[in-house]
Amino acid sequence: SRTTSSTRDELQRILVNGTAGDQIPANILDHAHIKIAKWWTKELNGAHVPSDDYATIMARSIFTLTPIGHSAETFRLFEAMEAGSIPILALDETYTDHRCKNSLHPLLDESLPYGPAPIIILKSWDELPAKLEEMLGASSSSNHEDSRIAMIDQHQRKLIRWYRAFMKDRAQRFEQLVRVPRRSKS
């Protein structure tokens, strides 16, 4: 919801109005699913997307915008990765000032055996229109369009492989943590 974090208001402004010199191209917005609730609530109401529809939208999405909320490590980030939708997030001052800012460290850790998460990180949401234009923008050359599609497809496959390795590693770490040593039979 927009009330969860000021960065969500900023993102909505950019989606609707663009930035000082950049707007998100209409051909991109025409294919986007944008729904931002005004208030966060625990109860499902008309402001929420039904869970079946949400899963379908995520599975069909190339990108998912993941502004921070109550925590910098938003659940949408993991839902996007699980669906193979490339998360886009801004590590802006809202992130750097957030009390949970280090919660993203496990995703960005260069020392992981499978590397950091192949997500798109912006310095601010103002970079979003240019980034989307770079990745999805119109092209006059069909060869250029084919290479752009291949690049995005490769990025999504890399994300899925990374997410599986990350979750397997996290599950193994959790199992090691809770594993009770067996007593020897005497």
N, C-alpha and C. Protein backbone atom coordinates (compact mmCIF):
# COMPACT_ATOMS: atom_id res chain seq x y z
N SER A 1 0.84 -1.18 0.00
CA SER A 1 0.00 0.00 0.00
C SER A 1 0.88 1.24 0.00
N ARG A 2 0.30 2.34 -0.42
CA ARG A 2 1.04 3.60 -0.46
C ARG A 2 1.41 4.10 0.92
N THR A 3 0.66 3.70 1.95
CA THR A 3 0.95 4.19 3.30
C THR A 3 2.05 3.40 4.00
N THR A 4 2.45 2.27 3.43
CA THR A 4 3.46 1.42 4.06
C THR A 4 4.83 2.08 4.03
N SER A 5 5.15 2.78 2.94
CA SER A 5 6.45 3.39 2.80
C SER A 5 6.35 4.55 1.81
N SER A 6 7.10 5.63 2.08
CA SER A 6 7.06 6.80 1.20
C SER A 6 7.58 6.48 -0.20
N THR A 7 8.44 5.47 -0.32
CA THR A 7 8.96 5.11 -1.63
C THR A 7 7.85 4.60 -2.55
N ARG A 8 6.78 4.07 -1.98
CA ARG A 8 5.66 3.59 -2.79
C ARG A 8 4.89 4.75 -3.40
N ASP A 9 4.76 5.85 -2.67
CA ASP A 9 4.14 7.06 -3.23
C ASP A 9 5.00 7.58 -4.38
N GLU A 10 6.31 7.59 -4.16
CA GLU A 10 7.23 8.06 -5.20
C GLU A 10 7.10 7.18 -6.45
N LEU A 11 7.05 5.89 -6.25
CA LEU A 11 6.93 4.97 -7.38
C LEU A 11 5.61 5.20 -8.12
N GLN A 12 4.52 5.39 -7.40
CA GLN A 12 3.25 5.64 -8.06
C GLN A 12 3.31 6.93 -8.88
N ARG A 13 3.93 7.96 -8.34
CA ARG A 13 4.08 9.23 -9.06
C ARG A 13 4.83 9.01 -10.37
N ILE A 14 5.90 8.22 -10.32
CA ILE A 14 6.70 7.96 -11.52
C ILE A 14 5.91 7.14 -12.53
N LEU A 15 5.16 6.16 -12.06
CA LEU A 15 4.36 5.34 -12.97
C LEU A 15 3.29 6.17 -13.68
N VAL A 16 2.72 7.13 -12.97
CA VAL A 16 1.66 7.96 -13.54
C VAL A 16 2.23 9.13 -14.34
N ASN A 17 3.21 9.83 -13.78
CA ASN A 17 3.68 11.08 -14.38
C ASN A 17 5.08 11.01 -14.99
N GLY A 18 5.83 9.97 -14.73
CA GLY A 18 7.21 9.91 -15.20
C GLY A 18 8.12 10.71 -14.28
N THR A 19 9.34 10.94 -14.74
CA THR A 19 10.32 11.72 -13.98
C THR A 19 10.49 13.05 -14.69
N ALA A 20 11.43 13.86 -14.24
CA ALA A 20 11.63 15.20 -14.81
C ALA A 20 11.77 15.16 -16.34
N GLY A 21 12.54 14.24 -16.86
CA GLY A 21 12.73 14.20 -18.30
C GLY A 21 12.32 12.89 -18.96
N ASP A 22 11.78 12.00 -18.19
CA ASP A 22 11.49 10.65 -18.68
C ASP A 22 10.11 10.20 -18.27
N GLN A 23 9.43 9.55 -19.20
CA GLN A 23 8.18 8.89 -18.87
C GLN A 23 8.30 7.44 -19.28
N ILE A 24 7.55 6.59 -18.62
CA ILE A 24 7.52 5.19 -19.03
C ILE A 24 6.74 5.14 -20.33
N PRO A 25 7.33 4.57 -21.39
CA PRO A 25 6.66 4.54 -22.69
C PRO A 25 5.29 3.87 -22.61
N ALA A 26 4.34 4.44 -23.34
CA ALA A 26 2.96 3.93 -23.34
C ALA A 26 2.90 2.47 -23.75
N ASN A 27 3.75 2.05 -24.70
CA ASN A 27 3.71 0.65 -25.15
C ASN A 27 4.09 -0.31 -24.02
N ILE A 28 4.84 0.16 -23.04
CA ILE A 28 5.19 -0.66 -21.88
C ILE A 28 4.04 -0.63 -20.87
N LEU A 29 3.53 0.56 -20.59
CA LEU A 29 2.44 0.69 -19.63
C LEU A 29 1.18 -0.04 -20.09
N ASP A 30 0.97 -0.11 -21.40
CA ASP A 30 -0.20 -0.80 -21.95
C ASP A 30 -0.22 -2.28 -21.57
N HIS A 31 0.96 -2.86 -21.32
CA HIS A 31 1.06 -4.28 -20.99
C HIS A 31 1.34 -4.53 -19.51
N ALA A 32 1.27 -3.48 -18.71
CA ALA A 32 1.60 -3.58 -17.29
C ALA A 32 0.34 -3.79 -16.45
N HIS A 33 0.52 -4.51 -15.36
CA HIS A 33 -0.54 -4.63 -14.35
C HIS A 33 -0.07 -3.81 -13.16
N ILE A 34 -0.75 -2.70 -12.93
CA ILE A 34 -0.37 -1.82 -11.83
C ILE A 34 -1.56 -1.67 -10.90
N LYS A 35 -1.33 -2.06 -9.66
CA LYS A 35 -2.38 -1.92 -8.64
C LYS A 35 -1.69 -1.59 -7.32
N ILE A 36 -1.97 -0.40 -6.84
CA ILE A 36 -1.38 0.04 -5.58
C ILE A 36 -2.52 0.42 -4.65
N ALA A 37 -2.66 -0.32 -3.58
CA ALA A 37 -3.70 -0.03 -2.60
C ALA A 37 -3.32 1.24 -1.84
N LYS A 38 -4.30 2.03 -1.48
CA LYS A 38 -4.03 3.24 -0.72
C LYS A 38 -3.64 2.90 0.72
N TRP A 39 -4.32 1.92 1.32
CA TRP A 39 -4.07 1.55 2.71
C TRP A 39 -3.77 0.07 2.80
N TRP A 40 -2.86 -0.30 3.69
CA TRP A 40 -2.58 -1.71 3.95
C TRP A 40 -3.60 -2.21 4.95
N THR A 41 -4.18 -3.36 4.66
CA THR A 41 -5.12 -3.98 5.60
C THR A 41 -4.84 -5.47 5.66
N LYS A 42 -5.19 -6.07 6.76
CA LYS A 42 -5.04 -7.52 6.89
C LYS A 42 -6.18 -8.24 6.19
N GLU A 43 -7.32 -7.59 6.11
CA GLU A 43 -8.49 -8.22 5.50
C GLU A 43 -8.46 -8.02 3.99
N LEU A 44 -8.86 -9.05 3.26
CA LEU A 44 -8.96 -8.92 1.81
C LEU A 44 -10.22 -8.13 1.50
N ASN A 45 -10.09 -7.21 0.58
CA ASN A 45 -11.24 -6.42 0.15
C ASN A 45 -11.07 -6.10 -1.34
N GLY A 46 -11.88 -5.24 -1.85
CA GLY A 46 -11.83 -4.91 -3.28
C GLY A 46 -10.52 -4.31 -3.74
N ALA A 47 -9.69 -3.84 -2.82
CA ALA A 47 -8.40 -3.26 -3.20
C ALA A 47 -7.34 -4.33 -3.45
N HIS A 48 -7.63 -5.57 -3.14
CA HIS A 48 -6.66 -6.65 -3.29
C HIS A 48 -6.94 -7.46 -4.56
N VAL A 49 -5.89 -7.98 -5.12
CA VAL A 49 -6.00 -8.88 -6.26
C VAL A 49 -6.21 -10.29 -5.70
N PRO A 50 -7.23 -11.02 -6.17
CA PRO A 50 -7.42 -12.39 -5.68
C PRO A 50 -6.17 -13.24 -5.89
N SER A 51 -5.90 -14.17 -4.98
CA SER A 51 -4.64 -14.91 -4.99
C SER A 51 -4.42 -15.69 -6.29
N ASP A 52 -5.45 -16.29 -6.86
CA ASP A 52 -5.28 -17.01 -8.13
C ASP A 52 -4.88 -16.05 -9.25
N ASP A 53 -5.52 -14.90 -9.28
CA ASP A 53 -5.18 -13.89 -10.30
C ASP A 53 -3.76 -13.38 -10.08
N TYR A 54 -3.40 -13.18 -8.82
CA TYR A 54 -2.06 -12.69 -8.48
C TYR A 54 -0.99 -13.66 -8.96
N ALA A 55 -1.19 -14.94 -8.71
CA ALA A 55 -0.23 -15.96 -9.15
C ALA A 55 -0.10 -15.97 -10.67
N THR A 56 -1.20 -15.83 -11.36
CA THR A 56 -1.18 -15.80 -12.83
C THR A 56 -0.45 -14.56 -13.32
N ILE A 57 -0.73 -13.42 -12.72
CA ILE A 57 -0.07 -12.17 -13.11
C ILE A 57 1.43 -12.29 -12.91
N MET A 58 1.85 -12.81 -11.77
CA MET A 58 3.29 -12.96 -11.49
C MET A 58 3.95 -13.90 -12.49
N ALA A 59 3.29 -15.00 -12.80
CA ALA A 59 3.87 -15.98 -13.73
C ALA A 59 4.01 -15.42 -15.13
N ARG A 60 3.15 -14.48 -15.50
CA ARG A 60 3.18 -13.89 -16.84
C ARG A 60 4.05 -12.63 -16.92
N SER A 61 4.54 -12.16 -15.79
CA SER A 61 5.28 -10.90 -15.74
C SER A 61 6.75 -11.10 -16.02
N ILE A 62 7.30 -10.21 -16.83
CA ILE A 62 8.74 -10.21 -17.06
C ILE A 62 9.43 -9.57 -15.86
N PHE A 63 8.87 -8.47 -15.40
CA PHE A 63 9.44 -7.72 -14.28
C PHE A 63 8.38 -7.54 -13.20
N THR A 64 8.83 -7.42 -11.95
CA THR A 64 7.97 -7.07 -10.83
C THR A 64 8.64 -5.95 -10.05
N LEU A 65 7.93 -4.86 -9.88
CA LEU A 65 8.44 -3.75 -9.08
C LEU A 65 8.28 -4.12 -7.62
N THR A 66 9.35 -3.99 -6.85
CA THR A 66 9.33 -4.44 -5.46
C THR A 66 9.78 -3.31 -4.51
N PRO A 67 8.93 -2.29 -4.35
CA PRO A 67 9.30 -1.24 -3.40
C PRO A 67 9.27 -1.79 -1.98
N ILE A 68 10.12 -1.23 -1.13
CA ILE A 68 10.15 -1.71 0.24
C ILE A 68 8.86 -1.32 0.94
N GLY A 69 8.55 -2.06 1.99
CA GLY A 69 7.36 -1.79 2.78
C GLY A 69 7.74 -1.67 4.24
N HIS A 70 7.11 -2.48 5.07
CA HIS A 70 7.45 -2.48 6.50
C HIS A 70 8.87 -2.97 6.69
N SER A 71 9.34 -3.80 5.78
CA SER A 71 10.70 -4.31 5.79
C SER A 71 11.32 -4.07 4.42
N ALA A 72 12.62 -3.92 4.38
CA ALA A 72 13.29 -3.76 3.09
C ALA A 72 13.18 -5.04 2.27
N GLU A 73 13.07 -6.15 2.97
CA GLU A 73 12.99 -7.47 2.33
C GLU A 73 11.51 -7.83 2.17
N THR A 74 10.89 -7.30 1.14
CA THR A 74 9.46 -7.48 0.94
C THR A 74 9.14 -8.87 0.40
N PHE A 75 8.00 -9.40 0.79
CA PHE A 75 7.59 -10.73 0.33
C PHE A 75 7.44 -10.77 -1.18
N ARG A 76 7.10 -9.64 -1.80
CA ARG A 76 6.92 -9.59 -3.26
C ARG A 76 8.23 -9.94 -3.99
N LEU A 77 9.33 -9.60 -3.39
CA LEU A 77 10.64 -9.91 -3.97
C LEU A 77 10.78 -11.42 -4.17
N PHE A 78 10.42 -12.18 -3.15
CA PHE A 78 10.54 -13.64 -3.21
C PHE A 78 9.46 -14.25 -4.11
N GLU A 79 8.26 -13.69 -4.06
CA GLU A 79 7.19 -14.18 -4.95
C GLU A 79 7.58 -13.98 -6.41
N ALA A 80 8.18 -12.85 -6.72
CA ALA A 80 8.62 -12.58 -8.09
C ALA A 80 9.68 -13.58 -8.52
N MET A 81 10.69 -13.78 -7.68
CA MET A 81 11.76 -14.72 -8.04
C MET A 81 11.21 -16.13 -8.23
N GLU A 82 10.32 -16.55 -7.36
CA GLU A 82 9.74 -17.88 -7.48
C GLU A 82 8.97 -18.03 -8.78
N ALA A 83 8.33 -16.95 -9.23
CA ALA A 83 7.55 -16.98 -10.47
C ALA A 83 8.42 -16.79 -11.71
N GLY A 84 9.71 -16.43 -11.52
CA GLY A 84 10.59 -16.19 -12.66
C GLY A 84 10.45 -14.78 -13.22
N SER A 85 9.83 -13.90 -12.43
CA SER A 85 9.68 -12.50 -12.82
C SER A 85 10.83 -11.71 -12.19
N ILE A 86 11.53 -10.96 -13.00
CA ILE A 86 12.75 -10.28 -12.54
C ILE A 86 12.37 -9.10 -11.63
N PRO A 87 12.77 -9.17 -10.35
CA PRO A 87 12.44 -8.06 -9.44
C PRO A 87 13.26 -6.81 -9.78
N ILE A 88 12.60 -5.68 -9.67
CA ILE A 88 13.27 -4.39 -9.78
C ILE A 88 13.06 -3.69 -8.45
N LEU A 89 14.17 -3.27 -7.83
CA LEU A 89 14.04 -2.55 -6.57
C LEU A 89 15.00 -1.37 -6.55
N ALA A 90 14.67 -0.40 -5.73
CA ALA A 90 15.50 0.80 -5.60
C ALA A 90 16.14 0.80 -4.22
N LEU A 91 17.45 0.88 -4.22
CA LEU A 91 18.19 1.00 -2.96
C LEU A 91 18.43 2.50 -2.73
N ASP A 92 17.32 3.22 -2.56
CA ASP A 92 17.33 4.66 -2.40
C ASP A 92 17.50 5.04 -0.93
N GLU A 93 17.31 6.31 -0.61
CA GLU A 93 17.51 6.72 0.79
C GLU A 93 16.45 6.14 1.71
N THR A 94 15.28 5.81 1.18
CA THR A 94 14.29 5.13 2.01
C THR A 94 14.85 3.78 2.45
N TYR A 95 15.57 3.10 1.55
CA TYR A 95 16.20 1.83 1.89
C TYR A 95 17.37 2.07 2.86
N THR A 96 18.24 3.00 2.53
CA THR A 96 19.44 3.18 3.37
C THR A 96 19.10 3.69 4.77
N ASP A 97 17.96 4.38 4.90
CA ASP A 97 17.54 4.86 6.22
C ASP A 97 16.65 3.86 6.96
N HIS A 98 16.26 2.78 6.30
CA HIS A 98 15.32 1.81 6.88
C HIS A 98 16.01 1.00 7.98
N ARG A 99 15.30 0.72 9.05
CA ARG A 99 15.88 -0.03 10.17
C ARG A 99 16.24 -1.47 9.78
N CYS A 100 15.65 -1.97 8.71
CA CYS A 100 15.93 -3.35 8.25
C CYS A 100 16.76 -3.37 6.97
N LYS A 101 17.54 -2.33 6.71
CA LYS A 101 18.24 -2.23 5.43
C LYS A 101 19.20 -3.37 5.16
N ASN A 102 19.74 -3.99 6.17
CA ASN A 102 20.68 -5.09 5.92
C ASN A 102 19.99 -6.42 5.62
N SER A 103 18.67 -6.42 5.64
CA SER A 103 17.95 -7.68 5.40
C SER A 103 18.15 -8.18 3.97
N LEU A 104 18.54 -7.33 3.07
CA LEU A 104 18.78 -7.76 1.68
C LEU A 104 20.19 -8.32 1.48
N HIS A 105 21.04 -8.21 2.48
CA HIS A 105 22.42 -8.68 2.34
C HIS A 105 22.52 -10.12 1.82
N PRO A 106 21.72 -11.07 2.33
CA PRO A 106 21.85 -12.43 1.81
C PRO A 106 21.57 -12.54 0.30
N LEU A 107 20.78 -11.63 -0.25
CA LEU A 107 20.50 -11.68 -1.68
C LEU A 107 21.60 -11.02 -2.50
N LEU A 108 22.31 -10.09 -1.90
CA LEU A 108 23.31 -9.31 -2.62
C LEU A 108 24.73 -9.76 -2.34
N ASP A 109 24.89 -10.81 -1.56
CA ASP A 109 26.19 -11.29 -1.11
C ASP A 109 26.99 -11.87 -2.28
N GLU A 110 28.09 -11.21 -2.61
CA GLU A 110 28.96 -11.64 -3.70
C GLU A 110 29.68 -12.95 -3.38
N SER A 111 29.78 -13.29 -2.09
CA SER A 111 30.55 -14.49 -1.71
C SER A 111 29.72 -15.77 -1.78
N LEU A 112 28.44 -15.68 -2.08
CA LEU A 112 27.63 -16.89 -2.20
C LEU A 112 28.19 -17.77 -3.33
N PRO A 113 28.13 -19.08 -3.18
CA PRO A 113 28.67 -19.96 -4.23
C PRO A 113 27.94 -19.77 -5.56
N TYR A 114 26.71 -19.29 -5.52
CA TYR A 114 25.92 -19.08 -6.74
C TYR A 114 25.80 -17.59 -7.07
N GLY A 115 26.56 -16.76 -6.35
CA GLY A 115 26.61 -15.33 -6.62
C GLY A 115 25.42 -14.56 -6.08
N PRO A 116 25.43 -13.24 -6.29
CA PRO A 116 24.30 -12.43 -5.82
C PRO A 116 23.08 -12.65 -6.72
N ALA A 117 21.92 -12.29 -6.21
CA ALA A 117 20.68 -12.46 -6.97
C ALA A 117 20.72 -11.63 -8.26
N PRO A 118 20.29 -12.22 -9.36
CA PRO A 118 20.26 -11.48 -10.63
C PRO A 118 18.99 -10.62 -10.72
N ILE A 119 18.91 -9.66 -9.83
CA ILE A 119 17.78 -8.74 -9.80
C ILE A 119 18.25 -7.39 -10.32
N ILE A 120 17.33 -6.53 -10.67
CA ILE A 120 17.70 -5.21 -11.16
C ILE A 120 17.61 -4.23 -10.00
N ILE A 121 18.73 -3.57 -9.74
CA ILE A 121 18.82 -2.63 -8.62
C ILE A 121 19.01 -1.23 -9.17
N LEU A 122 18.11 -0.34 -8.79
CA LEU A 122 18.20 1.06 -9.16
C LEU A 122 18.68 1.86 -7.96
N LYS A 123 19.29 3.01 -8.22
CA LYS A 123 19.67 3.90 -7.12
C LYS A 123 18.46 4.66 -6.61
N SER A 124 17.50 4.89 -7.49
CA SER A 124 16.24 5.51 -7.12
C SER A 124 15.19 5.11 -8.15
N TRP A 125 13.93 5.27 -7.78
CA TRP A 125 12.85 4.92 -8.72
C TRP A 125 12.83 5.85 -9.92
N ASP A 126 13.51 7.01 -9.83
CA ASP A 126 13.60 7.92 -10.98
C ASP A 126 14.31 7.26 -12.16
N GLU A 127 15.12 6.24 -11.91
CA GLU A 127 15.82 5.53 -12.99
C GLU A 127 14.92 4.54 -13.72
N LEU A 128 13.73 4.27 -13.19
CA LEU A 128 12.86 3.23 -13.75
C LEU A 128 12.49 3.45 -15.22
N PRO A 129 12.01 4.63 -15.63
CA PRO A 129 11.62 4.77 -17.05
C PRO A 129 12.77 4.45 -18.01
N ALA A 130 13.96 4.95 -17.72
CA ALA A 130 15.10 4.70 -18.61
C ALA A 130 15.47 3.22 -18.61
N LYS A 131 15.41 2.55 -17.45
CA LYS A 131 15.75 1.13 -17.37
C LYS A 131 14.76 0.29 -18.16
N LEU A 132 13.46 0.59 -18.01
CA LEU A 132 12.45 -0.15 -18.77
C LEU A 132 12.60 0.09 -20.27
N GLU A 133 12.90 1.31 -20.64
CA GLU A 133 13.11 1.62 -22.07
C GLU A 133 14.32 0.85 -22.59
N GLU A 134 15.37 0.79 -21.79
CA GLU A 134 16.58 0.04 -22.18
C GLU A 134 16.26 -1.44 -22.39
N MET A 135 15.49 -2.01 -21.47
CA MET A 135 15.24 -3.45 -21.51
C MET A 135 14.08 -3.83 -22.44
N LEU A 136 13.07 -2.97 -22.55
CA LEU A 136 11.86 -3.34 -23.29
C LEU A 136 11.51 -2.40 -24.44
N GLY A 137 12.22 -1.30 -24.56
CA GLY A 137 11.84 -0.25 -25.50
C GLY A 137 11.70 -0.71 -26.93
N ALA A 138 10.96 0.11 -27.68
CA ALA A 138 10.72 -0.18 -29.10
C ALA A 138 12.04 -0.12 -29.87
N SER A 139 12.13 -0.94 -30.87
CA SER A 139 13.32 -0.99 -31.71
C SER A 139 12.90 -1.10 -33.16
N SER A 140 13.65 -0.47 -34.03
CA SER A 140 13.30 -0.53 -35.45
C SER A 140 13.86 -1.79 -36.11
N SER A 141 14.79 -2.45 -35.48
CA SER A 141 15.42 -3.64 -36.06
C SER A 141 14.87 -4.91 -35.42
N SER A 142 14.42 -5.83 -36.27
CA SER A 142 13.91 -7.09 -35.71
C SER A 142 15.04 -7.91 -35.09
N ASN A 143 16.27 -7.78 -35.62
CA ASN A 143 17.42 -8.48 -35.02
C ASN A 143 17.67 -7.95 -33.61
N HIS A 144 17.57 -6.64 -33.45
CA HIS A 144 17.77 -6.03 -32.14
C HIS A 144 16.68 -6.50 -31.18
N GLU A 145 15.45 -6.55 -31.66
CA GLU A 145 14.33 -7.02 -30.84
C GLU A 145 14.54 -8.47 -30.43
N ASP A 146 14.98 -9.32 -31.38
CA ASP A 146 15.24 -10.73 -31.07
C ASP A 146 16.32 -10.88 -30.01
N SER A 147 17.38 -10.06 -30.11
CA SER A 147 18.46 -10.16 -29.11
C SER A 147 17.98 -9.66 -27.75
N ARG A 148 17.11 -8.65 -27.74
CA ARG A 148 16.56 -8.13 -26.48
C ARG A 148 15.70 -9.21 -25.81
N ILE A 149 14.87 -9.88 -26.58
CA ILE A 149 14.02 -10.95 -26.04
C ILE A 149 14.89 -12.08 -25.51
N ALA A 150 15.93 -12.45 -26.26
CA ALA A 150 16.84 -13.52 -25.82
C ALA A 150 17.56 -13.13 -24.53
N MET A 151 17.94 -11.86 -24.41
CA MET A 151 18.63 -11.38 -23.20
C MET A 151 17.70 -11.47 -21.99
N ILE A 152 16.45 -11.05 -22.16
CA ILE A 152 15.49 -11.10 -21.06
C ILE A 152 15.20 -12.55 -20.67
N ASP A 153 15.03 -13.40 -21.67
CA ASP A 153 14.78 -14.83 -21.41
C ASP A 153 15.94 -15.44 -20.65
N GLN A 154 17.16 -15.12 -21.04
CA GLN A 154 18.35 -15.63 -20.36
C GLN A 154 18.40 -15.12 -18.91
N HIS A 155 18.03 -13.86 -18.71
CA HIS A 155 18.02 -13.27 -17.37
C HIS A 155 17.00 -14.00 -16.50
N GLN A 156 15.82 -14.29 -17.04
CA GLN A 156 14.80 -15.00 -16.27
C GLN A 156 15.26 -16.42 -15.92
N ARG A 157 15.88 -17.12 -16.85
CA ARG A 157 16.37 -18.47 -16.56
C ARG A 157 17.45 -18.43 -15.48
N LYS A 158 18.34 -17.46 -15.55
CA LYS A 158 19.39 -17.31 -14.54
C LYS A 158 18.75 -17.03 -13.17
N LEU A 159 17.72 -16.19 -13.14
CA LEU A 159 17.03 -15.89 -11.90
C LEU A 159 16.40 -17.13 -11.28
N ILE A 160 15.75 -17.94 -12.09
CA ILE A 160 15.12 -19.17 -11.61
C ILE A 160 16.17 -20.13 -11.05
N ARG A 161 17.29 -20.30 -11.75
CA ARG A 161 18.37 -21.17 -11.25
C ARG A 161 18.92 -20.62 -9.93
N TRP A 162 19.14 -19.31 -9.88
CA TRP A 162 19.66 -18.69 -8.68
C TRP A 162 18.69 -18.90 -7.52
N TYR A 163 17.42 -18.65 -7.74
CA TYR A 163 16.43 -18.75 -6.66
C TYR A 163 16.35 -20.18 -6.13
N ARG A 164 16.39 -21.16 -7.02
CA ARG A 164 16.36 -22.56 -6.56
C ARG A 164 17.57 -22.88 -5.70
N ALA A 165 18.76 -22.43 -6.14
CA ALA A 165 19.98 -22.67 -5.36
C ALA A 165 19.92 -21.95 -4.02
N PHE A 166 19.44 -20.72 -4.03
CA PHE A 166 19.33 -19.93 -2.80
C PHE A 166 18.38 -20.60 -1.82
N MET A 167 17.21 -21.01 -2.28
CA MET A 167 16.24 -21.62 -1.38
C MET A 167 16.72 -22.99 -0.88
N LYS A 168 17.40 -23.75 -1.72
CA LYS A 168 17.95 -25.03 -1.28
C LYS A 168 18.98 -24.80 -0.18
N ASP A 169 19.84 -23.81 -0.39
CA ASP A 169 20.86 -23.46 0.60
C ASP A 169 20.22 -23.02 1.91
N ARG A 170 19.20 -22.17 1.83
CA ARG A 170 18.52 -21.69 3.04
C ARG A 170 17.83 -22.84 3.77
N ALA A 171 17.19 -23.75 3.03
CA ALA A 171 16.52 -24.90 3.66
C ALA A 171 17.54 -25.79 4.36
N GLN A 172 18.70 -26.02 3.72
CA GLN A 172 19.73 -26.85 4.33
C GLN A 172 20.29 -26.19 5.59
N ARG A 173 20.49 -24.89 5.53
CA ARG A 173 20.98 -24.17 6.72
C ARG A 173 19.98 -24.26 7.86
N PHE A 174 18.70 -24.13 7.55
CA PHE A 174 17.66 -24.22 8.56
C PHE A 174 17.63 -25.63 9.16
N GLU A 175 17.71 -26.65 8.30
CA GLU A 175 17.70 -28.04 8.79
C GLU A 175 18.89 -28.30 9.70
N GLN A 176 20.05 -27.77 9.35
CA GLN A 176 21.23 -27.95 10.20
C GLN A 176 21.05 -27.26 11.54
N LEU A 177 20.38 -26.14 11.52
CA LEU A 177 20.16 -25.38 12.73
C LEU A 177 19.21 -26.10 13.69
N VAL A 178 18.18 -26.73 13.16
CA VAL A 178 17.19 -27.37 14.02
C VAL A 178 17.41 -28.87 14.21
N ARG A 179 18.39 -29.41 13.54
CA ARG A 179 18.65 -30.84 13.66
C ARG A 179 19.09 -31.18 15.08
N VAL A 180 18.43 -32.15 15.64
CA VAL A 180 18.76 -32.60 16.99
C VAL A 180 19.74 -33.76 16.85
N PRO A 181 20.85 -33.70 17.57
CA PRO A 181 21.82 -34.81 17.47
C PRO A 181 21.17 -36.11 17.98
N ARG A 182 21.43 -37.17 17.29
CA ARG A 182 20.90 -38.49 17.71
C ARG A 182 21.73 -39.01 18.87
N ARG A 183 21.02 -39.64 19.78
CA ARG A 183 21.72 -40.26 20.90
C ARG A 183 22.23 -41.61 20.47
N SER A 184 23.37 -41.96 20.94
CA SER A 184 23.92 -43.27 20.58
C SER A 184 23.21 -44.34 21.42
N LYS A 185 22.96 -45.47 20.80
CA LYS A 185 22.31 -46.58 21.51
C LYS A 185 23.35 -47.28 22.37
N SER A 186 23.04 -47.47 23.64
CA SER A 186 23.98 -48.14 24.52
C SER A 186 23.46 -49.49 24.97
